[in-house]
Every structure is written in C-alpha cells, then in structure tokens.
Protein backbone atom coordinates (compact mmCIF):
# COMPACT_ATOMS: atom_id res chain seq x y z
CA UNK A 1 27.45 149.83 58.33
CA UNK A 2 24.76 149.42 55.66
CA UNK A 3 25.35 151.28 52.41
CA UNK A 4 22.94 154.14 51.59
CA UNK A 5 20.34 153.73 48.90
CA UNK A 6 21.42 154.91 45.44
CA UNK A 7 20.33 158.48 44.68
CA UNK A 8 17.29 159.06 42.47
CA UNK A 9 17.63 159.22 38.69
CA UNK A 10 17.70 162.72 37.21
CA UNK A 11 14.65 163.58 35.06
CA UNK A 12 15.01 162.72 31.38
CA UNK A 13 14.90 166.03 29.51
CA UNK A 14 12.64 164.81 26.70
CA UNK A 15 10.14 163.58 29.27
CA UNK A 16 10.55 166.77 31.27
CA UNK A 17 9.86 169.03 28.30
CA UNK A 18 6.86 166.98 27.18
CA UNK A 19 5.47 167.09 30.73
CA UNK A 20 5.94 170.85 30.85
CA UNK A 21 4.28 171.37 27.46
CA UNK A 22 1.30 169.28 28.54
CA UNK A 23 0.59 171.43 31.59
CA UNK A 24 -1.38 174.00 29.64
CA UNK A 25 0.85 176.92 30.61
CA UNK A 26 3.23 178.10 33.32
CA UNK A 27 2.73 176.53 36.74
CA UNK A 28 4.32 176.73 40.15
CA UNK A 29 6.84 174.13 38.88
CA UNK A 30 7.60 175.35 35.33
CA UNK A 31 8.68 178.80 34.14
CA UNK A 32 8.97 179.27 30.36
CA UNK A 33 11.40 181.86 28.98
CA UNK A 34 11.49 182.30 25.22
CA UNK A 35 14.79 184.19 25.23
CA UNK A 36 17.14 185.33 27.99
CA UNK A 37 20.47 186.65 26.75
CA UNK A 38 23.19 186.60 29.44
CA UNK A 39 24.92 189.55 27.76
CA UNK A 40 21.93 191.67 28.88
CA UNK A 41 21.85 192.88 32.51
CA UNK A 42 18.06 193.09 32.35
CA UNK A 43 17.84 189.46 31.25
CA UNK A 44 20.29 188.41 33.97
CA UNK A 45 18.02 189.92 36.64
CA UNK A 46 15.02 188.20 35.10
CA UNK A 47 16.87 184.88 35.29
CA UNK A 48 17.92 185.50 38.90
CA UNK A 49 14.31 186.21 39.86
CA UNK A 50 13.18 182.92 38.32
CA UNK A 51 15.94 180.86 39.96
CA UNK A 52 15.62 182.57 43.34
CA UNK A 53 11.84 182.18 43.36
CA UNK A 54 11.95 178.43 42.74
CA UNK A 55 14.74 177.99 45.29
CA UNK A 56 12.52 179.43 48.03
CA UNK A 57 9.62 177.05 47.39
CA UNK A 58 9.02 173.68 48.99
CA UNK A 59 9.67 171.62 45.85
CA UNK A 60 11.86 173.78 43.61
CA UNK A 61 11.11 173.93 39.91
CA UNK A 62 12.37 174.24 36.35
CA UNK A 63 13.25 177.29 34.25
CA UNK A 64 12.92 176.27 30.59
CA UNK A 65 14.67 178.57 28.11
CA UNK A 66 13.72 178.48 24.45
CA UNK A 67 10.02 177.85 25.08
CA UNK A 68 7.45 180.61 24.77
CA UNK A 69 4.67 181.36 27.27
CA UNK A 70 2.15 179.76 24.89
CA UNK A 71 4.21 176.53 24.97
CA UNK A 72 5.89 176.79 21.56
CA UNK A 73 9.41 175.33 21.42
CA UNK A 74 11.15 178.12 19.52
CA UNK A 75 14.70 177.22 20.54
CA UNK A 76 17.66 179.42 21.43
CA UNK A 77 20.27 180.76 19.00
CA UNK A 78 23.56 178.89 19.37
CA UNK A 79 25.57 181.83 20.80
CA UNK A 80 22.96 182.44 23.51
CA UNK A 81 22.57 178.76 24.38
CA UNK A 82 26.35 178.26 24.50
CA UNK A 83 26.63 180.98 27.17
CA UNK A 84 24.61 178.89 29.62
CA UNK A 85 27.29 176.93 31.41
CA UNK A 86 27.01 176.00 35.08
CA UNK A 87 29.87 178.15 36.30
CA UNK A 88 28.66 181.35 34.63
CA UNK A 89 25.04 181.03 35.78
CA UNK A 90 26.18 180.16 39.28
CA UNK A 91 28.35 183.29 39.38
CA UNK A 92 25.35 185.41 38.35
CA UNK A 93 23.14 183.86 41.03
CA UNK A 94 25.85 184.29 43.68
CA UNK A 95 26.18 187.96 42.82
CA UNK A 96 22.54 188.67 43.75
CA UNK A 97 21.39 185.88 46.10
CA UNK A 98 22.66 184.72 49.49
CA UNK A 99 22.97 181.82 49.82
CA UNK A 100 22.61 181.03 46.11
CA UNK A 101 20.04 178.30 45.38
CA UNK A 102 21.23 174.92 44.22
CA UNK A 103 20.55 174.36 40.54
CA UNK A 104 21.79 172.41 37.55
CA UNK A 105 22.09 173.92 34.06
CA UNK A 106 21.37 171.31 31.38
CA UNK A 107 21.70 171.72 27.63
CA UNK A 108 19.29 169.83 25.37
CA UNK A 109 17.98 169.54 21.81
CA UNK A 110 14.26 168.98 21.46
CA UNK A 111 13.21 168.23 17.87
CA UNK A 112 16.42 169.93 16.68
CA UNK A 113 15.67 173.08 18.71
CA UNK A 114 18.19 174.07 21.35
CA UNK A 115 16.78 174.62 24.81
CA UNK A 116 18.28 175.05 28.26
CA UNK A 117 16.67 173.52 31.34
CA UNK A 118 17.67 174.90 34.75
CA UNK A 119 16.63 172.48 37.49
CA UNK A 120 16.32 174.41 40.76
CA UNK A 121 16.23 172.60 44.09
CA UNK A 122 14.46 173.86 47.19
CA UNK A 123 16.69 175.33 49.88
CA UNK A 124 18.04 172.96 52.51
CA UNK A 125 18.20 175.10 55.64
CA UNK A 126 17.52 178.76 54.93
CA UNK A 127 15.93 180.49 51.92
CA UNK A 128 17.82 182.86 49.65
CA UNK A 129 17.63 186.60 50.24
CA UNK A 130 18.47 189.25 47.65
CA UNK A 131 21.90 190.54 48.66
CA UNK A 132 22.29 193.35 46.11
CA UNK A 133 19.79 195.84 44.67
CA UNK A 134 19.68 196.26 40.90
CA UNK A 135 17.48 198.00 38.34
CA UNK A 136 17.87 197.33 34.63
CA UNK A 137 15.05 198.30 32.31
CA UNK A 138 11.81 196.89 33.68
CA UNK A 139 13.54 194.42 35.99
CA UNK A 140 14.30 195.27 39.61
CA UNK A 141 15.81 193.55 42.63
CA UNK A 142 15.70 195.00 46.16
CA UNK A 143 18.35 194.01 48.70
CA UNK A 144 16.89 192.23 51.73
CA UNK A 145 13.81 190.92 49.93
CA UNK A 146 12.77 187.30 49.38
CA UNK A 147 11.78 185.89 46.01
CA UNK A 148 9.02 183.31 45.71
CA UNK A 149 7.12 181.33 43.08
CA UNK A 150 3.43 181.64 43.87
CA UNK A 151 0.65 179.15 43.17
CA UNK A 152 -0.47 181.65 40.52
CA UNK A 153 2.74 180.80 38.62
CA UNK A 154 4.36 184.19 39.19
CA UNK A 155 7.95 184.80 40.27
CA UNK A 156 8.46 187.92 42.34
CA UNK A 157 8.97 189.43 45.76
CA UNK A 158 7.37 187.55 48.65
CA UNK A 159 4.37 189.67 49.70
CA UNK A 160 1.08 187.73 49.71
CA UNK A 161 0.07 186.34 53.11
CA UNK A 162 -0.51 182.87 51.69
CA UNK A 163 2.95 182.79 50.13
CA UNK A 164 4.53 183.95 53.40
CA UNK A 165 2.77 181.13 55.22
CA UNK A 166 3.96 178.64 52.61
CA UNK A 167 7.59 179.73 53.04
CA UNK A 168 7.26 179.57 56.83
CA UNK A 169 5.88 176.04 56.60
CA UNK A 170 8.83 175.03 54.44
CA UNK A 171 11.20 176.61 56.95
CA UNK A 172 9.67 174.55 59.73
CA UNK A 173 10.15 171.41 57.65
CA UNK A 174 13.79 172.31 57.12
CA UNK A 175 14.18 172.96 60.87
CA UNK A 176 16.00 176.20 60.16
CA UNK A 177 17.44 177.66 63.35
CA UNK A 178 17.95 181.31 62.43
CA UNK A 179 17.77 183.79 59.58
CA UNK A 180 21.18 185.09 60.60
CA UNK A 181 22.68 182.37 58.43
CA UNK A 182 21.42 184.26 55.40
CA UNK A 183 24.21 186.81 55.61
CA UNK A 184 26.84 184.29 56.67
CA UNK A 185 26.45 181.49 54.13
CA UNK A 186 26.70 183.58 50.97
CA UNK A 187 30.48 183.89 51.15
CA UNK A 188 33.47 182.42 52.94
CA UNK A 189 33.85 184.95 55.72
CA UNK A 190 34.74 187.69 53.28
CA UNK A 191 33.22 189.82 50.59
CA UNK A 192 32.58 188.42 47.14
CA UNK A 193 34.83 189.74 44.41
CA UNK A 194 33.41 192.56 42.30
CA UNK A 195 31.47 191.41 39.26
CA UNK A 196 33.65 193.69 37.12
CA UNK A 197 36.86 191.84 38.05
CA UNK A 198 38.56 190.08 35.17
CA UNK A 199 40.63 186.94 35.71
CA UNK A 200 42.35 187.20 32.34
CA UNK A 201 45.34 185.18 33.57
CA UNK A 202 43.11 182.12 34.01
CA UNK A 203 41.75 182.13 30.48
CA UNK A 204 45.20 182.80 28.99
CA UNK A 205 46.79 179.95 30.94
CA UNK A 206 43.95 177.56 30.12
CA UNK A 207 44.36 178.31 26.41
CA UNK A 208 48.06 177.50 26.63
CA UNK A 209 47.47 174.22 28.47
CA UNK A 210 44.79 173.25 25.94
CA UNK A 211 47.37 173.48 23.17
CA UNK A 212 49.38 170.75 24.89
CA UNK A 213 46.49 168.69 26.25
CA UNK A 214 43.09 169.62 24.76
CA UNK A 215 40.04 168.82 26.89
CA UNK A 216 37.42 169.24 24.20
CA UNK A 217 35.29 166.21 23.33
CA UNK A 218 35.95 163.52 22.30
CA UNK A 219 38.95 163.59 24.60
CA UNK A 220 40.15 161.46 27.48
CA UNK A 221 38.61 162.20 30.90
CA UNK A 222 40.76 164.43 33.09
CA UNK A 223 40.66 166.30 36.38
CA UNK A 224 42.11 169.75 36.90
CA UNK A 225 42.58 172.33 39.66
CA UNK A 226 44.12 175.76 39.70
CA UNK A 227 44.06 179.35 40.83
CA UNK A 228 44.40 182.80 39.28
CA UNK A 229 44.86 186.33 40.68
CA UNK A 230 42.56 189.14 39.65
CA UNK A 231 45.67 191.33 39.21
CA UNK A 232 48.57 189.71 37.38
CA UNK A 233 51.82 189.42 39.35
CA UNK A 234 54.43 189.55 36.55
CA UNK A 235 56.81 187.19 38.29
CA UNK A 236 60.47 187.31 37.33
CA UNK A 237 62.42 184.22 36.19
CA UNK A 238 64.30 184.32 39.49
CA UNK A 239 61.06 184.19 41.45
CA UNK A 240 59.82 181.31 39.31
CA UNK A 241 62.96 179.29 40.04
CA UNK A 242 62.42 179.77 43.76
CA UNK A 243 58.81 178.70 43.58
CA UNK A 244 59.57 175.47 41.73
CA UNK A 245 60.35 173.32 43.65
CA UNK A 246 60.69 175.54 46.71
CA UNK A 247 56.97 176.15 47.22
CA UNK A 248 55.80 172.68 46.11
CA UNK A 249 53.94 170.41 48.51
CA UNK A 250 56.02 167.36 49.53
CA UNK A 251 53.64 164.61 48.43
CA UNK A 252 55.43 161.78 46.56
CA UNK A 253 57.45 163.81 44.02
CA UNK A 254 55.86 167.07 45.11
CA UNK A 255 52.82 168.98 43.95
CA UNK A 256 52.96 170.05 41.23
CA UNK A 257 55.27 167.21 40.09
CA UNK A 258 58.73 168.63 39.51
CA UNK A 259 61.15 165.71 39.44
CA UNK A 260 63.44 165.89 36.44
CA UNK A 261 64.21 162.53 34.85
CA UNK A 262 63.37 160.16 32.03
CA UNK A 263 59.67 160.18 32.84
CA UNK A 264 59.27 163.74 34.10
CA UNK A 265 59.70 166.86 32.03
CA UNK A 266 60.08 170.28 33.61
CA UNK A 267 61.24 173.47 31.96
CA UNK A 268 60.91 177.26 32.07
CA UNK A 269 59.26 179.01 29.15
CA UNK A 270 58.92 182.66 28.25
CA UNK A 271 55.66 183.10 30.10
CA UNK A 272 56.10 180.76 33.06
CA UNK A 273 57.07 177.29 34.21
CA UNK A 274 55.84 174.06 32.69
CA UNK A 275 55.95 170.36 33.62
CA UNK A 276 54.55 167.12 32.23
CA UNK A 277 54.70 163.34 32.64
CA UNK A 278 54.16 160.95 29.69
CA UNK A 279 51.04 158.80 29.67
CA UNK A 280 51.25 155.73 31.95
CA UNK A 281 54.84 156.74 32.80
CA UNK A 282 56.12 153.83 30.69
CA UNK A 283 55.71 155.21 27.20
CA UNK A 284 58.05 158.17 26.84
CA UNK A 285 57.03 158.52 23.19
CA UNK A 286 53.34 158.99 23.99
CA UNK A 287 52.05 162.40 22.85
CA UNK A 288 49.41 162.37 25.57
CA UNK A 289 50.62 163.21 29.10
CA UNK A 290 49.46 161.76 32.38
CA UNK A 291 50.00 165.09 34.10
CA UNK A 292 50.47 168.64 32.91
CA UNK A 293 50.95 171.72 35.04
CA UNK A 294 51.77 175.33 34.35
CA UNK A 295 52.57 178.26 36.60
CA UNK A 296 52.50 181.49 34.63
CA UNK A 297 54.44 184.66 35.28
CA UNK A 298 51.05 186.29 35.89
CA UNK A 299 50.73 184.14 39.01
CA UNK A 300 48.07 181.77 37.63
CA UNK A 301 48.41 178.00 38.04
CA UNK A 302 46.68 175.05 36.37
CA UNK A 303 47.26 171.35 37.04
CA UNK A 304 45.57 168.70 34.89
CA UNK A 305 45.82 164.92 35.22
CA UNK A 306 44.43 161.80 33.61
CA UNK A 307 41.35 160.27 35.23
CA UNK A 308 42.82 157.14 36.82
CA UNK A 309 39.44 155.60 37.67
CA UNK A 310 39.57 153.79 34.33
CA UNK A 311 42.75 151.92 35.26
CA UNK A 312 42.65 148.15 36.00
CA UNK A 313 41.54 147.38 39.52
CA UNK A 314 39.72 150.66 40.07
CA UNK A 315 36.96 150.38 42.65
CA UNK A 316 34.73 152.68 40.62
CA UNK A 317 35.29 151.98 36.91
CA UNK A 318 33.43 154.49 34.78
CA UNK A 319 33.07 156.86 37.69
CA UNK A 320 34.93 159.76 39.28
CA UNK A 321 36.36 159.38 42.77
CA UNK A 322 35.25 161.80 45.46
CA UNK A 323 38.66 161.60 47.14
CA UNK A 324 40.39 161.96 43.78
CA UNK A 325 38.76 165.37 43.29
CA UNK A 326 39.01 166.37 46.94
CA UNK A 327 42.67 165.41 47.17
CA UNK A 328 43.60 167.60 44.21
CA UNK A 329 41.56 170.50 45.60
CA UNK A 330 43.42 170.22 48.91
CA UNK A 331 46.86 170.11 47.26
CA UNK A 332 45.93 173.05 45.06
CA UNK A 333 44.93 175.15 48.09
CA UNK A 334 48.09 174.16 49.95
CA UNK A 335 50.19 175.14 46.93
CA UNK A 336 48.49 178.54 46.71
CA UNK A 337 49.14 179.13 50.41
CA UNK A 338 52.78 178.17 49.95
CA UNK A 339 53.14 180.48 46.94
CA UNK A 340 51.52 183.32 48.92
CA UNK A 341 53.98 182.79 51.75
CA UNK A 342 57.02 182.58 49.47
CA UNK A 343 56.08 185.79 47.64
CA UNK A 344 54.67 187.61 50.71
CA UNK A 345 51.48 188.39 48.78
CA UNK A 346 48.95 190.88 50.13
CA UNK A 347 46.14 189.07 51.95
CA UNK A 348 43.46 191.39 50.55
CA UNK A 349 44.29 190.34 46.97
CA UNK A 350 41.48 188.48 45.22
CA UNK A 351 42.04 185.02 43.80
CA UNK A 352 39.90 182.60 41.85
CA UNK A 353 40.23 178.96 42.97
CA UNK A 354 38.74 176.36 40.63
CA UNK A 355 38.28 172.64 40.01
CA UNK A 356 36.93 170.85 36.94
CA UNK A 357 36.35 167.37 35.55
CA UNK A 358 36.54 167.19 31.74
CA UNK A 359 34.94 164.71 29.34
CA UNK A 360 32.88 163.07 32.09
CA UNK A 361 29.38 163.11 30.58
CA UNK A 362 27.65 159.89 31.68
CA UNK A 363 29.97 159.30 34.64
CA UNK A 364 29.01 159.31 38.30
CA UNK A 365 30.70 160.68 41.42
CA UNK A 366 31.41 158.10 44.10
CA UNK A 367 33.19 157.85 47.43
CA UNK A 368 35.96 155.32 46.80
CA UNK A 369 35.52 153.89 50.30
CA UNK A 370 31.72 153.50 50.14
CA UNK A 371 30.79 152.33 46.67
CA UNK A 372 27.96 150.35 45.16
CA UNK A 373 28.94 147.24 43.25
CA UNK A 374 26.59 148.20 40.42
CA UNK A 375 26.50 151.64 38.85
CA UNK A 376 23.33 153.67 39.15
CA UNK A 377 21.37 155.71 36.62
CA UNK A 378 22.10 159.22 37.85
CA UNK A 379 25.22 160.58 36.14
CA UNK A 380 26.80 163.84 35.01
CA UNK A 381 24.82 165.36 32.16
CA UNK A 382 27.49 167.83 31.03
CA UNK A 383 30.79 167.39 29.19
CA UNK A 384 32.51 169.51 31.86
CA UNK A 385 31.60 169.74 35.54
CA UNK A 386 33.32 172.65 37.26
CA UNK A 387 33.21 174.89 40.31
CA UNK A 388 35.03 178.06 41.28
CA UNK A 389 35.20 180.50 44.18
CA UNK A 390 36.46 184.08 44.03
CA UNK A 391 37.76 185.18 47.43
CA UNK A 392 40.33 187.26 49.20
CA UNK A 393 43.64 185.51 49.73
CA UNK A 394 43.08 185.86 53.49
CA UNK A 395 40.25 183.32 53.25
CA UNK A 396 42.61 180.83 51.59
CA UNK A 397 45.20 181.39 54.31
CA UNK A 398 42.84 181.35 57.29
CA UNK A 399 40.21 178.75 56.40
CA UNK A 400 41.17 176.68 53.31
CA UNK A 401 39.06 173.75 54.51
CA UNK A 402 35.88 175.78 54.08
CA UNK A 403 36.84 176.60 50.51
CA UNK A 404 37.58 172.94 49.74
CA UNK A 405 34.20 171.89 51.15
CA UNK A 406 32.33 174.53 49.18
CA UNK A 407 34.04 173.59 45.92
CA UNK A 408 33.36 169.88 46.42
CA UNK A 409 29.79 170.54 47.53
CA UNK A 410 29.18 172.34 44.24
CA UNK A 411 30.87 169.57 42.24
CA UNK A 412 28.74 166.91 43.94
CA UNK A 413 25.61 168.89 43.11
CA UNK A 414 26.55 169.21 39.44
CA UNK A 415 27.18 165.48 39.26
CA UNK A 416 23.59 165.02 40.40
CA UNK A 417 24.55 163.64 43.81
CA UNK A 418 21.73 165.38 45.65
CA UNK A 419 22.05 162.79 48.40
CA UNK A 420 25.58 163.97 49.22
CA UNK A 421 25.02 166.75 51.73
CA UNK A 422 27.52 169.31 52.94
CA UNK A 423 28.01 167.22 56.08
CA UNK A 424 29.15 164.29 53.94
CA UNK A 425 31.71 166.50 52.18
CA UNK A 426 32.95 167.83 55.53
CA UNK A 427 33.40 164.28 56.81
CA UNK A 428 35.38 163.38 53.68
CA UNK A 429 37.62 166.43 54.18
CA UNK A 430 38.21 165.36 57.79
CA UNK A 431 39.10 161.83 56.69
CA UNK A 432 41.36 162.92 53.82
CA UNK A 433 44.63 162.77 55.85
CA UNK A 434 43.83 159.20 56.95
CA UNK A 435 42.68 158.08 53.50
CA UNK A 436 45.28 159.87 51.36
CA UNK A 437 48.16 160.77 53.66
CA UNK A 438 49.19 163.50 56.06
CA UNK A 439 50.01 165.86 53.19
CA UNK A 440 46.27 166.19 52.56
CA UNK A 441 45.58 167.95 55.85
CA UNK A 442 44.28 171.52 55.71
CA UNK A 443 45.02 173.53 58.81
CA UNK A 444 43.38 176.84 59.62
CA UNK A 445 45.46 179.98 59.99
CA UNK A 446 48.94 180.83 58.81
CA UNK A 447 50.29 181.30 55.33
CA UNK A 448 52.36 178.14 55.13
CA UNK A 449 51.68 175.15 52.94
C-alpha cells in the first residue's frame, strides 16, 4: 500500500501576521481582536461568535488577538495571553457550539508584542449550531442559530440570502447527509457537564505529581493520562489498598505499574497511593523516573511516563507515536471502569478524562506502523498538547471507545495532523488489540475493566 503524502506545513505566524496586516483591514479570512479577556463572559461570547463563524465557512479563517481593527499590533497583557491555552478555549467553544469547530490556539511574539492566533478550520461534515443561549452585555447567542463570517467581514447570525447559499454550497461539497448530526455530535451520548463544575481534585493531584516530576520546560518529553471526579470521593486507606492492585489492568506488570521490587516503588501516602519506576529501569539512583502514577483519596488519578520515542531503534525518532498515546488512553479508560466497578460508583457522576503530551514543541505525531522515513515540516507548535472530555461515568462504562477516539482526534488536530481524520483514529482504535495486545481492547457495555 502506498504511503500517504505528508500533510501540509502549518502557516508561519510571522508570515501570517504580516499577510493579515497587509490586507487593509478585516476580511472574510481575518478577524482582529484588540483585547478579549477570558475572565469576562461577554468577551467569551464574542470569541465564540468569531470561532463559530469561521468554522461554518468554506475555508475557515484566523482570529488574531492583540491586533486592533486599524491593524496596529498592540499586544496582549501577559495574564490575558497566558489564559489562552487549547484546552480552555476548546471547553468554551464546546459549551456553546455543537459540534465545536476545529481550531488551534497558537501563542506568538511579534516584535516583542504578545499575540494569540486562533486558526479555525472549516467544518468537515456538518456546520456548528449554537447549542446554548447567552446574553452578556452587548453580546448575545441564540440557541439553534448558525454563525457565519460574511464576505463583508462580519461575524454574526446567518441571515443574508447570499450567506445562506454559501453555507449550502459548502454543505454540498462536504456531502453532509443530515442536520440531525448537529445534536448528536456535540457530546458522547450524554449531556455535557455544567460549566460551573470544578474539578479541583485534578489540579491538586497534578500539582503533587509536578513536585516529583515537573513537566515545565525545559524538561524531558512525557505522556500522561488520567481522570478526576467532579465530586471528591474521600476514599479510605482500606479502599485504596483494594484498588491497588485489585483494580489494575493486567498488562505486563499491571496498569498503573504496581510491582514492588528493586526497580519499582509503590507506597501509600496521606492523600493517596503513589508509584514510580527509576529512569531506564537500570539506574536506581536516578532522580528522574520513567513512570509516575498517583491515585488520590479524592478519586483522581494521573499517570505520567517518559516519551520512549527517543530511545535507540525507535521508528519515529523525534516524534510522538499515535499508538503510544492511544494505548495509554485505552488503559486509562479501562482503569477508570475497573475503579468504578470496584467502588460501585454512581453512573450519573461526572468525570473528566484527559490526555497530554508535555515538552513536545517541534515534534510530530506519527502512526508507528505507517511512517515516513524523513520527518516533515508540520509539527506541534505548543509546549503542551492536551485534550479532555467531561462526561457522565455511564458514557465511560457503556462506550469507552468513543471517548478514546474523541480524545485522540483532538490530540491529532492539535499536533497539526489535519490529514488524520476521525476514520483514521477509529481504525487505529480497532487495530490496537492486534498492535499492542489483547489488554488494549475496549468493549462496550458493562462496568468491568
């Protein structure tokens, strides 16, 4: 089978900004926003309107933050620019749009001024519809309406006959079969968790893991998966002992790794259960681990491991393996299902399931079984690439494969792999048991691991 052509190179941000500034003003491809503060609900709605409008056009577009309407690069204050990470903006878009458009949030400095470029791609099958009404200040969203970026360079509700025709023409090109998908593809067969929900157990656990193995640059590349409940469980020491290793997935030494020996460390602590393996498994004195995992008494779990693609003989040196990420996502979901079964957790409880790749700026995502012998120009532009889904536990129990596909689909997009479609991710999930082992099979239904 011939290998596919390498995906196109992502636009260089310096060139992109200079192109935008040379246009003479806002166009149907560029939307300038001098300041949008994500702590403001009114500004959030304004951002959603810009992203949703570009997502419903034929070619997508760019939202450029830190540039005024008269094309002055004013820059964003550091606290406001720092708030623009992919996961947070995606959560905002998902709250109001179904399905949320595909976009990439990219940080940049242009002549020492901080700007944020949001690259929005056109929809693949069906356009986004506003799923939730909202009114904040002068900004308004109406549930059931479509957003659109007109030729007059205005983002708003689809009303003009010419714009309606343009959207219909794009739909024909996409060969969309039905608008019913609009209400089905925005979630995983269940309602989205309330925007007011707080997953405090995730942030607390992440802070504790970072003390043992920091992920901040310039650190070693790592991959992590985990989950967190919206309501903390307050597990007892007795329950923790039953979960480890009782609920672990029987792959090699179990997932998470729990073998006690010279190379494996496992111990209870006051706030949970903790395990680690020294780097390379041959240097017991190494301060840097190969694996670290923690399961907190709050019921949150985080597993982090070294990026093995840099090891000798790797088929994708300098990259990140698609099956590496997918395999950890699958084991993480199986572990959550096993924990839910062991503790008899309520199926209507909300959980956050997440995956991240740390310190991977400049790396590419590649299928280990279908790789190019030479690396290509399109790579991750961010220090951290991450994805998360907030769902009822019933979705994890009944259809974990759909969650795994959605998480990996989002990760592929953030890596810039626009050529990797959902179908490709689904095929990889189907092949995972053959490529990685039977333990990487995700069955529908049931609460078992």
